[in-house]
């Protein structure tokens, strides 16, 4: 699959303000400053689509982008460290949980993990929440250009090994670099596959 059109649609303070749930939807989330916006811009080949920042906490709402007039990409606020008040952080957590648990057209959540680091409890805890909520997810190990291939592969392997202590099934994962466009083709192909499954489910008799 290739993206030929990508446009910003709306920023919503909660799930009730999101666009009509009439298209398949893919949400991107991760620790603050993990590179969500940069990854979305890389996937769409539009450096100005999602706003990027070196400061954690730039994304503060549920940001919808309409892709090829046929599906949505969603940029969610990061979890974990951000230079904001406890009250605002609590509001973000409530907003994110409300979106994830109530968005009926959400196909999968891409959880971004910084490939430069060994497994972080904050990421593992978030995946645990998704499991409890029965929300499908996949992992994306970001910033592969910032470390050696050996370290990136080691950290990804360590993370998956940590998951195996609790998970029987390990979802598909990807390794990316927004600078080198690494992983773009694989992620878009996967989204294309999921779009076809979504369409087939709509037409299947109930």
C-alpha atoms as a PDB file:
ATOM      1  CA  UNK A   1       0.000   0.000   0.000  1.00  0.00           C
ATOM      2  CA  UNK A   2       1.140   3.557  -0.691  1.00  0.00           C
ATOM      3  CA  UNK A   3      -0.164   6.786   0.812  1.00  0.00           C
ATOM      4  CA  UNK A   4      -1.183   9.251  -1.871  1.00  0.00           C
ATOM      5  CA  UNK A   5      -3.132  11.708   0.276  1.00  0.00           C
ATOM      6  CA  UNK A   6      -2.814  12.650   3.935  1.00  0.00           C
ATOM      7  CA  UNK A   7      -4.561  15.547   5.632  1.00  0.00           C
ATOM      8  CA  UNK A   8      -5.022  16.775   9.174  1.00  0.00           C
ATOM      9  CA  UNK A   9      -8.674  16.477  10.166  1.00  0.00           C
ATOM     10  CA  UNK A  10      -9.336  17.408  13.790  1.00  0.00           C
ATOM     11  CA  UNK A  11      -7.946  17.520  17.340  1.00  0.00           C
ATOM     12  CA  UNK A  12     -10.375  16.274  19.977  1.00  0.00           C
ATOM     13  CA  UNK A  13     -10.282  16.624  23.796  1.00  0.00           C
ATOM     14  CA  UNK A  14     -12.100  13.293  24.229  1.00  0.00           C
ATOM     15  CA  UNK A  15     -13.497  10.359  22.277  1.00  0.00           C
ATOM     16  CA  UNK A  16     -16.878  12.048  21.864  1.00  0.00           C
ATOM     17  CA  UNK A  17     -15.273  14.750  19.719  1.00  0.00           C
ATOM     18  CA  UNK A  18     -13.629  12.299  17.310  1.00  0.00           C
ATOM     19  CA  UNK A  19     -14.826  11.916  13.701  1.00  0.00           C
ATOM     20  CA  UNK A  20     -17.582   9.476  12.872  1.00  0.00           C
ATOM     21  CA  UNK A  21     -16.302   5.919  13.377  1.00  0.00           C
ATOM     22  CA  UNK A  22     -16.921   4.898   9.767  1.00  0.00           C
ATOM     23  CA  UNK A  23     -13.372   4.017   8.655  1.00  0.00           C
ATOM     24  CA  UNK A  24     -10.622   1.752  10.005  1.00  0.00           C
ATOM     25  CA  UNK A  25      -8.403   3.576  12.459  1.00  0.00           C
ATOM     26  CA  UNK A  26      -4.808   3.139  13.648  1.00  0.00           C
ATOM     27  CA  UNK A  27      -3.568   4.874  16.785  1.00  0.00           C
ATOM     28  CA  UNK A  28       0.061   5.667  17.583  1.00  0.00           C
ATOM     29  CA  UNK A  29       1.163   6.069  21.185  1.00  0.00           C
ATOM     30  CA  UNK A  30       4.300   5.764  23.297  1.00  0.00           C
ATOM     31  CA  UNK A  31       6.355   7.454  25.949  1.00  0.00           C
ATOM     32  CA  UNK A  32       6.660  11.208  25.630  1.00  0.00           C
ATOM     33  CA  UNK A  33       9.221  12.179  22.967  1.00  0.00           C
ATOM     34  CA  UNK A  34       9.488   8.647  21.543  1.00  0.00           C
ATOM     35  CA  UNK A  35       8.981   9.990  18.014  1.00  0.00           C
ATOM     36  CA  UNK A  36       5.265   9.501  17.280  1.00  0.00           C
ATOM     37  CA  UNK A  37       4.803  12.602  15.174  1.00  0.00           C
ATOM     38  CA  UNK A  38       8.062  12.036  13.287  1.00  0.00           C
ATOM     39  CA  UNK A  39       6.995   8.479  12.499  1.00  0.00           C
ATOM     40  CA  UNK A  40       3.590   9.602  11.213  1.00  0.00           C
ATOM     41  CA  UNK A  41       5.280  12.209   9.027  1.00  0.00           C
ATOM     42  CA  UNK A  42       7.650   9.543   7.699  1.00  0.00           C
ATOM     43  CA  UNK A  43       4.818   7.124   6.904  1.00  0.00           C
ATOM     44  CA  UNK A  44       2.893   9.815   5.017  1.00  0.00           C
ATOM     45  CA  UNK A  45       5.988  11.456   3.474  1.00  0.00           C
ATOM     46  CA  UNK A  46       4.752  14.790   4.787  1.00  0.00           C
ATOM     47  CA  UNK A  47       7.215  16.442   7.177  1.00  0.00           C
ATOM     48  CA  UNK A  48       4.660  19.050   8.237  1.00  0.00           C
ATOM     49  CA  UNK A  49       1.616  16.817   8.829  1.00  0.00           C
ATOM     50  CA  UNK A  50       2.043  16.048  12.526  1.00  0.00           C
ATOM     51  CA  UNK A  51       3.654  18.694  14.705  1.00  0.00           C
ATOM     52  CA  UNK A  52       6.997  17.588  16.119  1.00  0.00           C
ATOM     53  CA  UNK A  53       8.940  18.936  19.079  1.00  0.00           C
ATOM     54  CA  UNK A  54      12.056  18.156  21.092  1.00  0.00           C
ATOM     55  CA  UNK A  55      10.073  18.903  24.241  1.00  0.00           C
ATOM     56  CA  UNK A  56       7.972  16.087  25.748  1.00  0.00           C
ATOM     57  CA  UNK A  57       4.241  16.698  25.901  1.00  0.00           C
ATOM     58  CA  UNK A  58       3.771  18.480  22.558  1.00  0.00           C
ATOM     59  CA  UNK A  59       0.785  16.301  21.617  1.00  0.00           C
ATOM     60  CA  UNK A  60      -2.019  17.094  24.037  1.00  0.00           C
ATOM     61  CA  UNK A  61      -5.178  16.001  22.221  1.00  0.00           C
ATOM     62  CA  UNK A  62      -6.480  13.153  20.045  1.00  0.00           C
ATOM     63  CA  UNK A  63      -5.241  14.150  16.577  1.00  0.00           C
ATOM     64  CA  UNK A  64      -6.917  12.564  13.549  1.00  0.00           C
ATOM     65  CA  UNK A  65      -5.404  12.417  10.071  1.00  0.00           C
ATOM     66  CA  UNK A  66      -7.406  11.187   7.080  1.00  0.00           C
ATOM     67  CA  UNK A  67      -5.337   8.938   4.834  1.00  0.00           C
ATOM     68  CA  UNK A  68      -6.254   8.209   1.190  1.00  0.00           C
ATOM     69  CA  UNK A  69      -9.842   9.172   2.120  1.00  0.00           C
ATOM     70  CA  UNK A  70     -10.174   5.606   3.402  1.00  0.00           C
ATOM     71  CA  UNK A  71      -8.690   5.270   6.903  1.00  0.00           C
ATOM     72  CA  UNK A  72      -7.524   7.281   9.901  1.00  0.00           C
ATOM     73  CA  UNK A  73      -4.164   7.614  11.591  1.00  0.00           C
ATOM     74  CA  UNK A  74      -4.358   8.978  15.135  1.00  0.00           C
ATOM     75  CA  UNK A  75      -1.571  10.704  17.058  1.00  0.00           C
ATOM     76  CA  UNK A  76      -2.205  10.290  20.806  1.00  0.00           C
ATOM     77  CA  UNK A  77      -0.506  12.112  23.702  1.00  0.00           C
ATOM     78  CA  UNK A  78       2.535  10.348  25.095  1.00  0.00           C
ATOM     79  CA  UNK A  79       2.420   8.572  28.415  1.00  0.00           C
ATOM     80  CA  UNK A  80       4.953   8.912  31.195  1.00  0.00           C
ATOM     81  CA  UNK A  81       7.272  11.863  31.642  1.00  0.00           C
ATOM     82  CA  UNK A  82       6.148  15.266  30.448  1.00  0.00           C
ATOM     83  CA  UNK A  83       6.662  18.711  31.936  1.00  0.00           C
ATOM     84  CA  UNK A  84       3.009  19.219  32.838  1.00  0.00           C
ATOM     85  CA  UNK A  85       1.006  19.328  36.048  1.00  0.00           C
ATOM     86  CA  UNK A  86      -0.291  16.200  37.756  1.00  0.00           C
ATOM     87  CA  UNK A  87      -3.843  17.364  36.995  1.00  0.00           C
ATOM     88  CA  UNK A  88      -3.136  17.694  33.276  1.00  0.00           C
ATOM     89  CA  UNK A  89      -1.381  14.321  33.225  1.00  0.00           C
ATOM     90  CA  UNK A  90      -4.419  12.759  34.907  1.00  0.00           C
ATOM     91  CA  UNK A  91      -6.678  14.352  32.282  1.00  0.00           C
ATOM     92  CA  UNK A  92      -4.490  12.937  29.502  1.00  0.00           C
ATOM     93  CA  UNK A  93      -4.666   9.450  31.031  1.00  0.00           C
ATOM     94  CA  UNK A  94      -8.456   9.679  31.292  1.00  0.00           C
ATOM     95  CA  UNK A  95      -8.698  10.936  27.692  1.00  0.00           C
ATOM     96  CA  UNK A  96      -6.421   8.171  26.356  1.00  0.00           C
ATOM     97  CA  UNK A  97      -8.245   5.412  28.230  1.00  0.00           C
ATOM     98  CA  UNK A  98     -11.626   6.741  27.113  1.00  0.00           C
ATOM     99  CA  UNK A  99     -10.491   6.794  23.504  1.00  0.00           C
ATOM    100  CA  UNK A 100      -8.865   3.367  23.507  1.00  0.00           C
ATOM    101  CA  UNK A 101     -11.740   1.594  25.253  1.00  0.00           C
ATOM    102  CA  UNK A 102     -14.599   3.228  23.356  1.00  0.00           C
ATOM    103  CA  UNK A 103     -13.424   3.847  19.786  1.00  0.00           C
ATOM    104  CA  UNK A 104     -15.328   1.136  17.931  1.00  0.00           C
ATOM    105  CA  UNK A 105     -13.410   1.395  14.630  1.00  0.00           C
ATOM    106  CA  UNK A 106      -9.956   1.149  16.238  1.00  0.00           C
ATOM    107  CA  UNK A 107      -8.175  -1.695  14.432  1.00  0.00           C
ATOM    108  CA  UNK A 108      -4.895  -1.711  16.329  1.00  0.00           C
ATOM    109  CA  UNK A 109      -2.702   0.467  18.500  1.00  0.00           C
ATOM    110  CA  UNK A 110       0.910   0.902  17.450  1.00  0.00           C
ATOM    111  CA  UNK A 111       2.892   1.274  20.669  1.00  0.00           C
ATOM    112  CA  UNK A 112       6.194   3.048  20.035  1.00  0.00           C
ATOM    113  CA  UNK A 113       9.227   1.961  22.051  1.00  0.00           C
ATOM    114  CA  UNK A 114      12.610   3.710  22.007  1.00  0.00           C
ATOM    115  CA  UNK A 115      15.079   1.172  20.609  1.00  0.00           C
ATOM    116  CA  UNK A 116      18.024   2.906  22.288  1.00  0.00           C
ATOM    117  CA  UNK A 117      17.061   1.610  25.717  1.00  0.00           C
ATOM    118  CA  UNK A 118      16.676  -1.668  27.549  1.00  0.00           C
ATOM    119  CA  UNK A 119      13.069  -2.672  28.432  1.00  0.00           C
ATOM    120  CA  UNK A 120      11.293   0.024  30.445  1.00  0.00           C
ATOM    121  CA  UNK A 121       8.634  -0.868  33.019  1.00  0.00           C
ATOM    122  CA  UNK A 122       6.470   2.038  31.861  1.00  0.00           C
ATOM    123  CA  UNK A 123       6.137   0.513  28.382  1.00  0.00           C
ATOM    124  CA  UNK A 124       5.509  -2.990  29.709  1.00  0.00           C
ATOM    125  CA  UNK A 125       2.863  -1.667  32.104  1.00  0.00           C
ATOM    126  CA  UNK A 126       1.071   0.125  29.284  1.00  0.00           C
ATOM    127  CA  UNK A 127       0.978  -3.064  27.204  1.00  0.00           C
ATOM    128  CA  UNK A 128      -0.404  -4.842  30.258  1.00  0.00           C
ATOM    129  CA  UNK A 129      -3.244  -2.306  30.379  1.00  0.00           C
ATOM    130  CA  UNK A 130      -4.023  -2.857  26.713  1.00  0.00           C
ATOM    131  CA  UNK A 131      -4.196  -6.577  27.400  1.00  0.00           C
ATOM    132  CA  UNK A 132      -6.566  -6.057  30.309  1.00  0.00           C
ATOM    133  CA  UNK A 133      -8.763  -3.870  28.105  1.00  0.00           C
ATOM    134  CA  UNK A 134      -8.563  -6.457  25.281  1.00  0.00           C
ATOM    135  CA  UNK A 135      -7.276  -3.891  22.783  1.00  0.00           C
ATOM    136  CA  UNK A 136      -5.170  -5.204  19.859  1.00  0.00           C
ATOM    137  CA  UNK A 137      -1.702  -3.713  19.580  1.00  0.00           C
ATOM    138  CA  UNK A 138       1.633  -3.950  17.803  1.00  0.00           C
ATOM    139  CA  UNK A 139       5.046  -2.640  18.781  1.00  0.00           C
ATOM    140  CA  UNK A 140       7.258  -0.247  16.834  1.00  0.00           C
ATOM    141  CA  UNK A 141      10.876   0.131  17.962  1.00  0.00           C
ATOM    142  CA  UNK A 142      11.811   3.693  16.976  1.00  0.00           C
ATOM    143  CA  UNK A 143      14.981   5.723  16.418  1.00  0.00           C
ATOM    144  CA  UNK A 144      16.977   2.824  14.983  1.00  0.00           C
ATOM    145  CA  UNK A 145      19.368   5.320  13.382  1.00  0.00           C
ATOM    146  CA  UNK A 146      20.433   6.576  16.822  1.00  0.00           C
ATOM    147  CA  UNK A 147      22.179   3.320  17.828  1.00  0.00           C
ATOM    148  CA  UNK A 148      24.084   0.484  16.206  1.00  0.00           C
ATOM    149  CA  UNK A 149      22.070  -2.259  14.517  1.00  0.00           C
ATOM    150  CA  UNK A 150      23.428  -4.656  17.127  1.00  0.00           C
ATOM    151  CA  UNK A 151      22.126  -2.586  20.058  1.00  0.00           C
ATOM    152  CA  UNK A 152      18.755  -2.011  18.390  1.00  0.00           C
ATOM    153  CA  UNK A 153      18.303  -5.734  17.787  1.00  0.00           C
ATOM    154  CA  UNK A 154      19.461  -6.548  21.321  1.00  0.00           C
ATOM    155  CA  UNK A 155      17.035  -4.120  22.956  1.00  0.00           C
ATOM    156  CA  UNK A 156      14.118  -5.313  20.814  1.00  0.00           C
ATOM    157  CA  UNK A 157      14.953  -8.917  21.702  1.00  0.00           C
ATOM    158  CA  UNK A 158      15.197  -8.060  25.409  1.00  0.00           C
ATOM    159  CA  UNK A 159      11.832  -6.316  25.297  1.00  0.00           C
ATOM    160  CA  UNK A 160      10.118  -9.274  23.648  1.00  0.00           C
ATOM    161  CA  UNK A 161      11.777 -11.647  26.126  1.00  0.00           C
ATOM    162  CA  UNK A 162      10.381  -9.530  28.966  1.00  0.00           C
ATOM    163  CA  UNK A 163       6.922  -9.744  27.383  1.00  0.00           C
ATOM    164  CA  UNK A 164       7.121 -13.542  27.163  1.00  0.00           C
ATOM    165  CA  UNK A 165       7.047 -13.717  30.963  1.00  0.00           C
ATOM    166  CA  UNK A 166       3.400 -12.596  30.831  1.00  0.00           C
ATOM    167  CA  UNK A 167       2.176 -13.020  27.268  1.00  0.00           C
ATOM    168  CA  UNK A 168       1.451 -16.257  25.427  1.00  0.00           C
ATOM    169  CA  UNK A 169       1.164 -14.485  22.082  1.00  0.00           C
ATOM    170  CA  UNK A 170       3.614 -11.760  21.050  1.00  0.00           C
ATOM    171  CA  UNK A 171       2.146  -9.325  18.491  1.00  0.00           C
ATOM    172  CA  UNK A 172       4.012  -8.366  15.358  1.00  0.00           C
ATOM    173  CA  UNK A 173       6.713  -5.728  15.814  1.00  0.00           C
ATOM    174  CA  UNK A 174       8.570  -3.334  13.513  1.00  0.00           C
ATOM    175  CA  UNK A 175      11.860  -1.438  13.672  1.00  0.00           C
ATOM    176  CA  UNK A 176      11.880   2.093  12.294  1.00  0.00           C
ATOM    177  CA  UNK A 177      13.941   5.173  11.615  1.00  0.00           C
ATOM    178  CA  UNK A 178      12.086   8.331  10.661  1.00  0.00           C
ATOM    179  CA  UNK A 179      15.349   9.690   9.222  1.00  0.00           C
ATOM    180  CA  UNK A 180      16.143   6.705   6.999  1.00  0.00           C
ATOM    181  CA  UNK A 181      12.521   5.681   6.278  1.00  0.00           C
ATOM    182  CA  UNK A 182      13.319   2.280   7.773  1.00  0.00           C
ATOM    183  CA  UNK A 183      10.224   0.150   8.385  1.00  0.00           C
ATOM    184  CA  UNK A 184       7.891   2.347   6.334  1.00  0.00           C
ATOM    185  CA  UNK A 185       7.146  -0.222   3.651  1.00  0.00           C
ATOM    186  CA  UNK A 186       6.504  -2.985   6.195  1.00  0.00           C
ATOM    187  CA  UNK A 187       4.141  -0.930   8.366  1.00  0.00           C
ATOM    188  CA  UNK A 188       2.124   0.357   5.410  1.00  0.00           C
ATOM    189  CA  UNK A 189       1.848  -3.161   3.990  1.00  0.00           C
ATOM    190  CA  UNK A 190       0.559  -4.372   7.347  1.00  0.00           C
ATOM    191  CA  UNK A 191      -2.000  -1.552   7.562  1.00  0.00           C
ATOM    192  CA  UNK A 192      -3.093  -2.436   4.021  1.00  0.00           C
ATOM    193  CA  UNK A 193      -3.678  -6.045   5.115  1.00  0.00           C
ATOM    194  CA  UNK A 194      -5.693  -4.920   8.133  1.00  0.00           C
ATOM    195  CA  UNK A 195      -7.769  -2.572   5.969  1.00  0.00           C
ATOM    196  CA  UNK A 196      -8.773  -5.521   3.802  1.00  0.00           C
ATOM    197  CA  UNK A 197      -9.761  -7.555   6.855  1.00  0.00           C
ATOM    198  CA  UNK A 198     -11.801  -4.600   8.134  1.00  0.00           C
ATOM    199  CA  UNK A 199     -13.660  -4.342   4.813  1.00  0.00           C
ATOM    200  CA  UNK A 200     -14.306  -8.088   4.728  1.00  0.00           C
ATOM    201  CA  UNK A 201     -15.746  -8.003   8.242  1.00  0.00           C
ATOM    202  CA  UNK A 202     -18.142  -5.222   7.223  1.00  0.00           C
ATOM    203  CA  UNK A 203     -19.526  -7.242   4.311  1.00  0.00           C
ATOM    204  CA  UNK A 204     -19.698 -10.573   6.164  1.00  0.00           C
ATOM    205  CA  UNK A 205     -23.285 -11.532   7.129  1.00  0.00           C
ATOM    206  CA  UNK A 206     -23.905 -11.215  10.866  1.00  0.00           C
END
